[in-house]
Amino acid sequence: MPKTILAVDDSKTMREMVSFTLIEAGFNVIDAEDGKQAVEKLKATRVDAVITDLNMPNMNGYELIRHLRADPAYKLAPILMLTTEGDDTKKQEGKSAGATGWIVKPFNPEKLVQVVKKICGDA
C-alpha cells in the first residue's frame, strides 16, 4: 500500500512539482495551499507524512506543525519543512515546533524522494 503524503504550499507550481516527484516515486499525494486548508483536509484523510512550506497565508508552517503536534494522530508523524528559508534561526524554530527535517528550495527531486522514503520507513 503506497504511503500518502500531504504537500502544503501556497505556490501552485511548487505543489505540482512536489506532487509529480512523489507520485513518480510511488507515493499518493494530496495537497493544500496553506495550513488552514491542510488541517481541513486532514480531518477527512489520514496521511503518513506532511511536507510544508514555511511562509504561507492564513496559517504558516510553524503554526501548522504546532497544530499537528497537538493532535494525537500526528504527534509523531514525520513533518518536513520545504522552504526557501535556510538560516539556522528559522531551522531551530522549525525543530522547536516539531519539524522532523528541513529541505531548502529549490529542491533536488531525487533527494526529496530519498528523504521522504527515509522518514516514512521505506528506505
Protein backbone atom coordinates (compact mmCIF):
# COMPACT_ATOMS: atom_id res chain seq x y z
CA MET A 1 0.00 0.00 0.00
CA PRO A 2 1.58 3.31 -1.06
CA LYS A 3 2.23 5.93 1.60
CA THR A 4 0.16 9.12 1.43
CA ILE A 5 1.91 12.47 1.71
CA LEU A 6 0.31 15.87 2.27
CA ALA A 7 2.12 18.68 0.41
CA VAL A 8 1.32 22.15 1.75
CA ASP A 9 2.49 25.24 -0.15
CA ASP A 10 0.84 28.47 -1.25
CA SER A 11 2.59 28.14 -4.63
CA LYS A 12 0.55 26.01 -7.03
CA THR A 13 3.69 25.37 -9.09
CA MET A 14 5.59 24.09 -6.05
CA ARG A 15 2.69 21.82 -5.03
CA GLU A 16 2.62 20.41 -8.56
CA MET A 17 6.40 19.82 -8.58
CA VAL A 18 6.34 18.06 -5.21
CA SER A 19 3.28 16.01 -6.21
CA PHE A 20 4.76 14.98 -9.56
CA THR A 21 8.06 13.99 -7.96
CA LEU A 22 6.45 11.90 -5.23
CA ILE A 23 3.79 10.30 -7.45
CA GLU A 24 6.53 9.22 -9.87
CA ALA A 25 8.24 7.57 -6.88
CA GLY A 26 5.08 5.62 -5.99
CA PHE A 27 3.53 7.80 -3.28
CA ASN A 28 -0.05 9.05 -3.08
CA VAL A 29 -0.14 12.82 -2.68
CA ILE A 30 -2.82 15.25 -1.56
CA ASP A 31 -2.14 18.95 -1.39
CA ALA A 32 -3.25 22.11 0.36
CA GLU A 33 -2.49 25.77 -0.28
CA ASP A 34 -2.00 26.76 3.36
CA GLY A 35 -2.05 25.40 6.89
CA LYS A 36 -5.77 26.02 7.40
CA GLN A 37 -6.68 24.04 4.27
CA ALA A 38 -4.24 21.31 5.35
CA VAL A 39 -5.97 20.96 8.72
CA GLU A 40 -9.35 20.66 6.96
CA LYS A 41 -8.06 18.00 4.55
CA LEU A 42 -6.52 16.02 7.40
CA LYS A 43 -9.96 15.74 9.03
CA ALA A 44 -11.04 13.60 6.06
CA THR A 45 -7.79 11.85 5.10
CA ARG A 46 -5.06 10.24 7.19
CA VAL A 47 -1.55 10.79 5.79
CA ASP A 48 1.80 9.15 6.53
CA ALA A 49 3.85 12.36 6.33
CA VAL A 50 3.48 16.11 5.78
CA ILE A 51 5.70 18.39 3.71
CA THR A 52 5.03 22.06 4.41
CA ASP A 53 6.28 25.43 3.30
CA LEU A 54 7.07 27.99 5.99
CA ASN A 55 5.71 31.27 4.61
CA MET A 56 2.01 30.91 3.77
CA PRO A 57 -1.11 33.00 4.37
CA ASN A 58 -3.77 32.05 6.97
CA MET A 59 -1.57 29.53 8.86
CA ASN A 60 2.19 29.34 8.32
CA GLY A 61 4.34 26.23 8.50
CA TYR A 62 5.31 26.66 12.16
CA GLU A 63 1.67 27.11 13.16
CA LEU A 64 0.66 24.05 11.14
CA ILE A 65 3.36 21.91 12.76
CA ARG A 66 2.38 23.04 16.25
CA HIS A 67 -1.27 22.29 15.46
CA LEU A 68 -0.40 18.81 14.18
CA ARG A 69 1.87 18.01 17.12
CA ALA A 70 -1.05 18.83 19.46
CA ASP A 71 -3.19 16.21 17.64
CA PRO A 72 -2.55 12.68 18.99
CA ALA A 73 -2.89 11.27 15.46
CA TYR A 74 0.04 13.40 14.23
CA LYS A 75 2.10 13.77 17.42
CA LEU A 76 4.84 11.51 16.00
CA ALA A 77 4.15 11.85 12.26
CA PRO A 78 7.07 12.86 10.02
CA ILE A 79 6.85 16.54 9.04
CA LEU A 80 9.32 18.12 6.62
CA MET A 81 9.77 21.84 6.07
CA LEU A 82 10.34 22.61 2.38
CA THR A 83 11.11 26.32 2.14
CA THR A 84 13.35 28.98 0.67
CA GLU A 85 14.39 29.88 4.24
CA GLY A 86 17.73 28.37 5.13
CA ASP A 87 19.13 30.24 8.11
CA ASP A 88 19.84 28.41 11.34
CA THR A 89 17.45 30.50 13.44
CA LYS A 90 14.50 29.52 11.24
CA LYS A 91 15.62 25.88 11.22
CA GLN A 92 15.87 25.89 15.02
CA GLU A 93 12.38 27.38 15.31
CA GLY A 94 11.10 24.66 12.95
CA LYS A 95 12.77 21.99 15.06
CA SER A 96 11.30 23.51 18.23
CA ALA A 97 7.84 23.47 16.62
CA GLY A 98 8.31 19.77 15.90
CA ALA A 99 9.65 19.53 12.33
CA THR A 100 11.34 16.22 11.53
CA GLY A 101 13.58 17.73 8.85
CA TRP A 102 14.27 20.74 6.63
CA ILE A 103 14.84 20.96 2.86
CA VAL A 104 15.71 24.24 1.17
CA LYS A 105 14.09 25.16 -2.17
CA PRO A 106 14.80 24.67 -4.97
CA PHE A 107 14.83 21.00 -4.10
CA ASN A 108 16.59 18.12 -5.80
CA PRO A 109 13.84 15.62 -6.78
CA GLU A 110 15.97 12.54 -6.03
CA LYS A 111 16.94 13.95 -2.63
CA LEU A 112 13.29 14.72 -1.79
CA VAL A 113 12.26 11.16 -2.65
CA GLN A 114 15.17 9.76 -0.65
CA VAL A 115 14.28 11.82 2.43
CA VAL A 116 10.54 11.04 2.21
CA LYS A 117 11.28 7.32 1.89
CA LYS A 118 13.56 7.53 4.91
CA ILE A 119 11.09 9.35 7.15
CA CYS A 120 8.29 7.03 6.08
CA GLY A 121 10.37 3.95 6.85
CA ASP A 122 10.68 2.85 3.21
CA ALA A 123 14.43 3.49 2.75
